[in-house]
Amino acid sequence: MKLFGSEKKKGIRRTYFFGIKLYEEIKQNNTKKVYLFGICIRKKRYIKSKSLLSAAEKNVILLSLLYLDTPKSQKYFLCFDNLLDYRAEAIDAWTMFNYLQSKNIPAKYVILDNNPLYVTLQEKNQLNNIIPISRAIDLLTDHPDIIAKTRVVLSSFGYPMSKIFKILPTINYVFIEHGVTYLKEWTMDLYNEDRFDRIVTPIKPTYNLHQENMRWTNKMYCCGMARWDNLPKQKKANKKKNIFMLFTYRCSFAKNAGLRNDYIYNIQLLINEINSLIKNQSDICVQIAPHHTLLHIDKDCNFDTFKNVSIISPNAISQAIRETDLFITDYSSAAFDLMYRDIPCLFYCFDEDKKFPDWRDEASKSAISKIKNNIYNVTPNCKMSQMQSNTI
């Protein structure tokens, strides 16, 4: 044992002072553990190196050569939603997967094993053609044979840790969107032709926007969103009315936690005003779904963030949309789901005048002018008390 200094050997780094081990870092089985005075203060999963990723990609490419002569009818449609955050609802590629299954088309659905949908499927023993993974990278490292035998990938979030689906000439990589990409135009640059082969554009204005900017020429499917097939257009049978709120995430929260607190405060003021308006109407329920990124990145936030309101899990947003009678948002793309159902939408742009340090939030403000000019019911900095009670 050393009295002073540090030592390094394969996967281990230690620092000593007067023979006392102050610091120890151990990398083993794709896990990094950090100890301070013998107490584990950090444990984190990691990818060993870029070489591991590269080796996995090469393995898939080599395996794909074995299936070159396999008939298309025997190859898979590989479907997955968000593989980076289990809180995000698994709905879009999941809907596509179920459709493919109903038509007896070979398909696989990849899902994080801690996603509530997977937990439910496991309890019901409905895991046929379901591929559970613990981390996104596991799809590439643990299931190369599935990827090699795939002819179409359908994803609503993409696979940012590798370009394997874009590289493989045997795969048609299709971005199907998690929501209508129209209001926040800057997001179109995230899901571009460098990452995907084709794109689903759910509405004609998005299709026109791509054409005006010379994007996705002859590579667009303008056909709506798969999940809309499961959204009833008629009113629900029960008399209970639901007001559902969903607001987009602000990237600036990572740089300024105070902005997050202002965001929550202003939304809470809205909740309070609505409750004041409907205090004598017991047949109205007020609901809100915190954005999944708010809960994923901002560790101080949880499902008790908002008060005096029914909290909807991000994984249950589609169910809430089916039962909603009035939708309130800033510029969430979920508004298009409600428009599809012919449900009233109010756009409450409460921080329009605020200056954000993250350029993405500043760019998102362009959504407000789009709403004002092309949609309806936008209420920047509105007071809910100005609303007529019969709106609800």
Protein backbone atom coordinates (compact mmCIF):
# COMPACT_ATOMS: atom_id res chain seq x y z
CA MET A 1 0.00 0.00 0.00
CA LYS A 2 1.30 3.43 -0.91
CA LEU A 3 1.65 6.17 1.70
CA PHE A 4 1.17 9.02 -0.79
CA GLY A 5 0.17 9.49 -4.40
CA SER A 6 -1.95 7.38 -6.66
CA GLU A 7 -1.90 4.11 -8.52
CA LYS A 8 -3.53 2.93 -11.70
CA LYS A 9 -4.13 -0.52 -13.09
CA LYS A 10 -6.68 -2.03 -15.41
CA GLY A 11 -10.10 -0.62 -14.49
CA ILE A 12 -8.94 0.75 -11.11
CA ARG A 13 -7.60 4.11 -9.96
CA ARG A 14 -6.76 4.91 -6.31
CA THR A 15 -5.42 7.88 -4.36
CA TYR A 16 -3.67 7.51 -0.95
CA PHE A 17 -2.70 9.92 1.80
CA PHE A 18 -0.62 8.63 4.73
CA GLY A 19 -1.61 5.12 3.76
CA ILE A 20 -5.30 5.96 3.85
CA LYS A 21 -7.23 5.24 0.68
CA LEU A 22 -9.03 8.52 0.02
CA TYR A 23 -10.41 7.90 -3.44
CA GLU A 24 -11.09 4.81 -5.52
CA GLU A 25 -12.61 4.45 -8.99
CA ILE A 26 -13.51 1.01 -10.31
CA LYS A 27 -14.72 0.25 -13.83
CA GLN A 28 -16.15 -3.22 -14.17
CA ASN A 29 -18.96 -4.87 -16.19
CA ASN A 30 -19.90 -1.58 -17.89
CA THR A 31 -20.35 0.02 -14.45
CA LYS A 32 -18.26 2.79 -12.93
CA LYS A 33 -18.20 3.02 -9.11
CA VAL A 34 -16.57 5.87 -7.19
CA TYR A 35 -15.59 5.48 -3.52
CA LEU A 36 -14.61 8.19 -1.05
CA PHE A 37 -13.09 6.94 2.19
CA GLY A 38 -14.41 3.48 1.30
CA ILE A 39 -17.98 4.70 0.84
CA CYS A 40 -19.56 4.36 -2.61
CA ILE A 41 -20.70 7.85 -3.61
CA ARG A 42 -21.47 7.23 -7.27
CA LYS A 43 -22.51 4.31 -9.44
CA LYS A 44 -23.05 4.80 -13.14
CA ARG A 45 -23.53 2.59 -16.16
CA TYR A 46 -21.38 3.45 -19.16
CA ILE A 47 -20.24 2.22 -22.55
CA LYS A 48 -16.66 0.99 -22.25
CA SER A 49 -15.40 2.83 -25.30
CA LYS A 50 -16.12 3.86 -28.83
CA SER A 51 -14.35 0.70 -29.91
CA LEU A 52 -17.14 -1.38 -28.32
CA LEU A 53 -19.72 0.55 -30.31
CA SER A 54 -17.69 0.26 -33.48
CA ALA A 55 -17.22 -3.47 -33.00
CA ALA A 56 -20.97 -3.94 -32.51
CA GLU A 57 -21.70 -1.99 -35.70
CA LYS A 58 -19.23 -4.06 -37.71
CA ASN A 59 -20.78 -7.23 -36.34
CA VAL A 60 -24.23 -6.15 -37.52
CA ILE A 61 -22.91 -5.23 -40.97
CA LEU A 62 -21.24 -8.62 -41.37
CA LEU A 63 -24.35 -10.46 -40.17
CA SER A 64 -26.52 -8.53 -42.61
CA LEU A 65 -24.60 -10.16 -45.48
CA LEU A 66 -26.07 -13.51 -44.41
CA TYR A 67 -29.60 -12.22 -45.09
CA LEU A 68 -29.05 -10.57 -48.47
CA ASP A 69 -31.02 -13.28 -50.27
CA THR A 70 -33.74 -13.54 -47.62
CA PRO A 71 -37.15 -12.60 -49.09
CA LYS A 72 -38.51 -9.27 -47.86
CA SER A 73 -41.62 -11.00 -46.56
CA GLN A 74 -39.42 -12.82 -44.03
CA LYS A 75 -37.53 -9.77 -42.84
CA TYR A 76 -38.55 -7.64 -39.86
CA PHE A 77 -40.07 -4.27 -39.30
CA LEU A 78 -38.15 -3.07 -36.22
CA CYS A 79 -40.17 -0.61 -34.12
CA PHE A 80 -39.20 1.44 -31.08
CA ASP A 81 -40.15 4.65 -29.30
CA ASN A 82 -37.96 6.50 -26.79
CA LEU A 83 -35.06 4.30 -25.68
CA LEU A 84 -33.39 6.99 -23.56
CA ASP A 85 -36.18 7.85 -21.10
CA TYR A 86 -38.57 5.24 -19.73
CA ARG A 87 -40.97 8.01 -18.67
CA ALA A 88 -41.77 8.95 -22.27
CA GLU A 89 -44.93 7.24 -23.44
CA ALA A 90 -44.43 4.25 -25.73
CA ILE A 91 -47.24 4.91 -28.17
CA ASP A 92 -46.29 5.79 -31.77
CA ALA A 93 -44.05 2.94 -32.90
CA TRP A 94 -46.04 0.75 -30.52
CA THR A 95 -49.21 1.51 -32.51
CA MET A 96 -47.38 0.75 -35.75
CA PHE A 97 -46.12 -2.54 -34.29
CA ASN A 98 -49.63 -3.62 -33.32
CA TYR A 99 -50.90 -2.81 -36.80
CA LEU A 100 -48.12 -4.89 -38.38
CA GLN A 101 -48.91 -7.77 -36.04
CA SER A 102 -52.58 -7.62 -37.02
CA LYS A 103 -51.53 -8.02 -40.68
CA ASN A 104 -49.18 -10.93 -39.87
CA ILE A 105 -46.18 -8.90 -41.02
CA PRO A 106 -42.96 -9.93 -39.20
CA ALA A 107 -42.20 -7.21 -36.66
CA LYS A 108 -40.31 -6.67 -33.42
CA TYR A 109 -40.86 -3.98 -30.79
CA VAL A 110 -37.95 -2.77 -28.64
CA ILE A 111 -38.68 -1.22 -25.25
CA LEU A 112 -36.86 -0.28 -22.05
CA ASP A 113 -37.48 -2.93 -19.42
CA ASN A 114 -38.48 -0.31 -16.81
CA ASN A 115 -41.06 1.33 -19.06
CA PRO A 116 -44.56 0.92 -17.55
CA LEU A 117 -45.84 -0.54 -20.81
CA TYR A 118 -43.30 -3.35 -20.63
CA VAL A 119 -44.17 -4.01 -17.00
CA THR A 120 -47.83 -4.32 -17.99
CA LEU A 121 -47.07 -6.61 -20.92
CA GLN A 122 -44.92 -8.77 -18.68
CA GLU A 123 -47.71 -9.09 -16.10
CA LYS A 124 -50.16 -10.10 -18.84
CA ASN A 125 -47.65 -12.49 -20.44
CA GLN A 126 -47.97 -10.64 -23.76
CA LEU A 127 -44.30 -10.55 -24.74
CA ASN A 128 -44.46 -12.16 -28.16
CA ASN A 129 -42.01 -10.32 -30.46
CA ILE A 130 -41.16 -7.86 -27.67
CA ILE A 131 -37.45 -7.11 -27.11
CA PRO A 132 -36.76 -5.65 -23.63
CA ILE A 133 -33.46 -3.84 -23.09
CA SER A 134 -31.94 -2.08 -20.09
CA ARG A 135 -30.13 0.60 -22.13
CA ALA A 136 -30.42 1.84 -25.67
CA ILE A 137 -26.98 0.49 -26.57
CA ASP A 138 -28.13 -3.04 -25.68
CA LEU A 139 -30.20 -3.18 -28.87
CA LEU A 140 -27.00 -2.95 -30.92
CA THR A 141 -24.72 -5.07 -28.74
CA ASP A 142 -27.18 -7.79 -27.69
CA HIS A 143 -29.45 -8.16 -30.73
CA PRO A 144 -27.26 -7.83 -33.85
CA ASP A 145 -29.06 -10.74 -35.54
CA ILE A 146 -32.41 -8.94 -35.28
CA ILE A 147 -30.99 -5.75 -36.79
CA ALA A 148 -29.24 -7.70 -39.55
CA LYS A 149 -32.55 -9.33 -40.53
CA THR A 150 -34.47 -6.02 -40.49
CA ARG A 151 -35.66 -4.28 -43.65
CA VAL A 152 -37.55 -1.30 -42.15
CA VAL A 153 -36.96 0.60 -38.90
CA LEU A 154 -39.86 2.70 -37.60
CA SER A 155 -38.91 5.05 -34.76
CA SER A 156 -40.53 8.06 -33.12
CA PHE A 157 -37.32 9.30 -31.41
CA GLY A 158 -34.48 7.79 -33.39
CA TYR A 159 -31.32 6.02 -32.24
CA PRO A 160 -28.77 8.80 -31.58
CA MET A 161 -25.93 6.64 -30.24
CA SER A 162 -25.28 5.03 -33.63
CA LYS A 163 -25.85 5.61 -37.34
CA ILE A 164 -26.12 1.89 -38.00
CA PHE A 165 -29.68 2.09 -39.35
CA LYS A 166 -28.66 4.85 -41.74
CA ILE A 167 -25.45 3.09 -42.77
CA LEU A 168 -26.97 -0.29 -43.61
CA PRO A 169 -28.15 -0.28 -47.25
CA THR A 170 -30.49 -3.18 -46.46
CA ILE A 171 -32.58 -1.02 -44.07
CA ASN A 172 -35.10 1.72 -44.80
CA TYR A 173 -34.92 3.98 -41.72
CA VAL A 174 -38.17 5.91 -41.20
CA PHE A 175 -38.77 8.66 -38.66
CA ILE A 176 -42.46 8.54 -37.72
CA GLU A 177 -42.47 11.48 -35.24
CA HIS A 178 -43.60 11.51 -31.62
CA GLY A 179 -45.84 14.49 -32.31
CA VAL A 180 -46.67 16.78 -35.19
CA THR A 181 -43.50 18.69 -36.05
CA TYR A 182 -44.82 22.10 -37.04
CA LEU A 183 -45.00 24.63 -34.22
CA LYS A 184 -41.38 24.33 -33.05
CA GLU A 185 -39.73 24.51 -36.42
CA TRP A 186 -36.15 24.27 -35.10
CA THR A 187 -36.75 20.64 -34.11
CA MET A 188 -36.88 19.74 -37.79
CA ASP A 189 -33.10 20.11 -37.85
CA LEU A 190 -32.76 17.38 -35.21
CA TYR A 191 -34.50 14.78 -37.35
CA ASN A 192 -33.08 15.38 -40.78
CA GLU A 193 -31.94 13.48 -43.86
CA ASP A 194 -28.52 12.90 -42.32
CA ARG A 195 -30.14 10.66 -39.73
CA PHE A 196 -33.07 9.02 -41.54
CA ASP A 197 -33.98 7.75 -45.00
CA ARG A 198 -37.63 8.81 -44.94
CA ILE A 199 -40.07 10.69 -42.74
CA VAL A 200 -43.76 10.57 -41.91
CA THR A 201 -45.34 14.04 -42.05
CA PRO A 202 -48.68 13.84 -40.23
CA ILE A 203 -50.24 17.07 -41.56
CA LYS A 204 -50.19 18.94 -44.86
CA PRO A 205 -48.73 22.18 -43.37
CA THR A 206 -45.66 20.22 -42.21
CA TYR A 207 -45.38 18.63 -45.63
CA ASN A 208 -45.53 22.08 -47.24
CA LEU A 209 -42.97 23.44 -44.78
CA HIS A 210 -40.49 20.73 -45.72
CA GLN A 211 -41.09 21.36 -49.40
CA GLU A 212 -40.60 25.14 -49.03
CA ASN A 213 -37.24 24.48 -47.37
CA MET A 214 -36.32 21.81 -49.94
CA ARG A 215 -36.21 19.06 -47.33
CA TRP A 216 -37.10 15.40 -47.81
CA THR A 217 -37.77 15.67 -51.52
CA ASN A 218 -39.64 12.52 -52.59
CA LYS A 219 -38.95 11.04 -49.15
CA MET A 220 -42.11 11.99 -47.26
CA TYR A 221 -45.17 9.96 -46.34
CA CYS A 222 -47.99 12.42 -45.58
CA CYS A 223 -50.44 10.13 -43.83
CA GLY A 224 -51.32 11.30 -40.32
CA MET A 225 -50.09 9.68 -37.12
CA ALA A 226 -50.62 6.02 -36.36
CA ARG A 227 -51.84 6.73 -32.83
CA TRP A 228 -54.73 8.80 -34.20
CA ASP A 229 -56.38 5.54 -35.23
CA ASN A 230 -57.02 4.99 -31.53
CA LEU A 231 -58.44 8.45 -30.80
CA PRO A 232 -62.25 8.52 -30.85
CA LYS A 233 -63.71 11.58 -32.53
CA GLN A 234 -66.98 11.35 -30.64
CA LYS A 235 -67.65 12.61 -27.13
CA LYS A 236 -67.20 10.12 -24.33
CA ALA A 237 -70.30 8.60 -22.78
CA ASN A 238 -69.90 9.72 -19.15
CA LYS A 239 -70.90 13.20 -18.02
CA LYS A 240 -67.66 13.97 -16.20
CA LYS A 241 -65.69 16.71 -17.96
CA ASN A 242 -61.89 16.80 -17.99
CA ILE A 243 -59.64 19.81 -18.44
CA PHE A 244 -56.22 18.51 -19.42
CA MET A 245 -53.01 20.58 -19.37
CA LEU A 246 -49.67 19.72 -20.96
CA PHE A 247 -46.80 22.18 -21.35
CA THR A 248 -43.54 21.77 -23.24
CA TYR A 249 -40.13 21.55 -21.58
CA ARG A 250 -37.70 24.50 -21.44
CA CYS A 251 -34.12 23.51 -22.23
CA SER A 252 -32.92 26.54 -20.22
CA PHE A 253 -33.82 24.80 -16.96
CA ALA A 254 -30.47 23.02 -17.09
CA LYS A 255 -28.69 26.40 -17.02
CA ASN A 256 -30.99 28.24 -14.62
CA ALA A 257 -33.06 26.32 -12.06
CA GLY A 258 -34.85 29.55 -11.18
CA LEU A 259 -36.52 29.51 -14.59
CA ARG A 260 -37.90 26.08 -13.81
CA ASN A 261 -39.35 27.41 -10.56
CA ASP A 262 -40.96 30.34 -12.41
CA TYR A 263 -42.37 27.90 -14.95
CA ILE A 264 -43.95 25.76 -12.24
CA TYR A 265 -45.18 28.84 -10.37
CA ASN A 266 -46.95 30.29 -13.41
CA ILE A 267 -48.58 26.99 -14.30
CA GLN A 268 -49.73 26.67 -10.68
CA LEU A 269 -51.33 30.14 -10.90
CA LEU A 270 -53.26 28.89 -13.92
CA ILE A 271 -54.37 25.79 -12.02
CA ASN A 272 -55.53 27.96 -9.12
CA GLU A 273 -57.55 30.25 -11.42
CA ILE A 274 -59.24 27.32 -13.14
CA ASN A 275 -60.11 25.78 -9.79
CA SER A 276 -61.58 29.12 -8.74
CA LEU A 277 -63.72 29.24 -11.89
CA ILE A 278 -65.11 25.73 -11.45
CA LYS A 279 -65.30 25.56 -7.64
CA ASN A 280 -69.07 25.06 -7.73
CA GLN A 281 -68.99 22.50 -10.54
CA SER A 282 -68.27 19.06 -9.14
CA ASP A 283 -68.51 17.39 -12.54
CA ILE A 284 -65.25 18.95 -13.81
CA CYS A 285 -61.81 17.47 -13.20
CA VAL A 286 -58.55 19.39 -13.74
CA GLN A 287 -55.57 17.29 -14.87
CA ILE A 288 -51.95 17.95 -15.77
CA ALA A 289 -49.15 15.76 -17.13
CA PRO A 290 -45.62 16.98 -16.28
CA HIS A 291 -43.39 16.74 -19.35
CA HIS A 292 -41.33 13.55 -19.16
CA THR A 293 -38.09 15.51 -19.65
CA LEU A 294 -38.89 17.67 -16.62
CA LEU A 295 -38.97 14.55 -14.46
CA HIS A 296 -36.05 12.88 -16.24
CA ILE A 297 -33.52 15.74 -16.12
CA ASP A 298 -34.65 17.86 -13.18
CA LYS A 299 -34.17 15.50 -10.28
CA ASP A 300 -35.88 17.86 -7.80
CA CYS A 301 -39.15 17.55 -9.73
CA ASN A 302 -41.63 14.78 -9.09
CA PHE A 303 -45.31 14.02 -9.39
CA ASP A 304 -46.06 16.32 -6.43
CA THR A 305 -44.68 19.37 -8.24
CA PHE A 306 -48.16 20.75 -8.97
CA LYS A 307 -50.84 21.13 -6.29
CA ASN A 308 -54.63 20.85 -6.26
CA VAL A 309 -54.73 19.05 -9.58
CA SER A 310 -54.90 15.44 -10.74
CA ILE A 311 -51.46 14.36 -11.93
CA ILE A 312 -51.31 12.26 -15.09
CA SER A 313 -48.21 10.13 -15.68
CA PRO A 314 -46.40 10.97 -18.94
CA ASN A 315 -46.96 7.33 -19.84
CA ALA A 316 -50.74 7.83 -19.70
CA ILE A 317 -51.04 10.94 -21.89
CA SER A 318 -52.83 9.18 -24.75
CA GLN A 319 -55.48 7.84 -22.39
CA ALA A 320 -55.99 11.33 -20.95
CA ILE A 321 -56.33 12.75 -24.48
CA ARG A 322 -59.11 10.26 -25.21
CA GLU A 323 -61.07 11.54 -22.21
CA THR A 324 -60.35 15.29 -22.52
CA ASP A 325 -63.05 17.93 -23.07
CA LEU A 326 -60.78 21.00 -22.99
CA PHE A 327 -57.04 21.07 -23.65
CA ILE A 328 -54.65 23.80 -22.45
CA THR A 329 -51.03 24.06 -23.57
CA ASP A 330 -48.34 26.56 -24.56
CA TYR A 331 -47.35 24.93 -27.86
CA SER A 332 -47.25 21.20 -27.29
CA SER A 333 -47.72 19.14 -30.44
CA ALA A 334 -50.31 17.14 -28.48
CA ALA A 335 -52.72 19.94 -29.45
CA PHE A 336 -53.00 18.32 -32.88
CA ASP A 337 -54.24 15.11 -31.26
CA LEU A 338 -57.05 17.10 -29.65
CA MET A 339 -57.80 18.98 -32.87
CA TYR A 340 -58.11 15.60 -34.56
CA ARG A 341 -60.76 14.74 -31.97
CA ASP A 342 -62.50 18.12 -32.47
CA ILE A 343 -61.78 19.08 -28.86
CA PRO A 344 -61.33 22.79 -27.92
CA CYS A 345 -57.71 23.86 -27.35
CA LEU A 346 -56.45 26.94 -25.54
CA PHE A 347 -52.86 28.11 -26.05
CA TYR A 348 -51.55 29.72 -22.88
CA CYS A 349 -48.16 31.29 -23.71
CA PHE A 350 -47.34 32.52 -20.23
CA ASP A 351 -43.61 33.19 -20.66
CA GLU A 352 -43.65 34.75 -24.12
CA ASP A 353 -41.84 37.88 -22.88
CA LYS A 354 -39.17 36.01 -20.90
CA LYS A 355 -35.60 35.90 -22.20
CA PHE A 356 -34.14 32.39 -22.18
CA PRO A 357 -30.40 31.54 -22.13
CA ASP A 358 -30.85 28.46 -24.32
CA TRP A 359 -31.30 29.26 -28.02
CA ARG A 360 -33.77 26.39 -28.42
CA ASP A 361 -36.25 28.08 -26.10
CA GLU A 362 -35.84 31.36 -27.92
CA ALA A 363 -36.37 29.57 -31.23
CA SER A 364 -39.47 27.90 -29.83
CA LYS A 365 -41.14 31.30 -29.48
CA SER A 366 -41.74 31.24 -33.21
CA ALA A 367 -44.48 28.75 -32.36
CA ILE A 368 -46.48 31.59 -30.80
CA SER A 369 -46.70 33.57 -34.03
CA LYS A 370 -47.67 30.39 -35.88
CA ILE A 371 -50.46 29.78 -33.42
CA LYS A 372 -51.68 33.37 -33.66
CA ASN A 373 -51.60 33.43 -37.45
CA ASN A 374 -52.57 29.90 -38.38
CA ILE A 375 -54.52 28.35 -35.53
CA TYR A 376 -56.78 29.95 -32.92
CA ASN A 377 -57.45 30.55 -29.23
CA VAL A 378 -53.95 31.76 -28.38
CA THR A 379 -53.94 33.69 -25.10
CA PRO A 380 -50.45 35.12 -24.41
CA ASN A 381 -50.01 36.13 -20.77
CA CYS A 382 -53.72 35.51 -20.35
CA LYS A 383 -55.73 35.61 -17.15
CA MET A 384 -58.02 32.64 -16.95
CA SER A 385 -60.54 34.81 -15.11
CA GLN A 386 -61.14 36.55 -18.44
CA MET A 387 -62.60 33.34 -19.84
CA GLN A 388 -66.34 32.86 -19.93
CA SER A 389 -67.40 30.06 -17.63
CA ASN A 390 -69.28 28.39 -20.48
CA THR A 391 -65.95 27.85 -22.28
CA ILE A 392 -65.47 25.01 -19.81
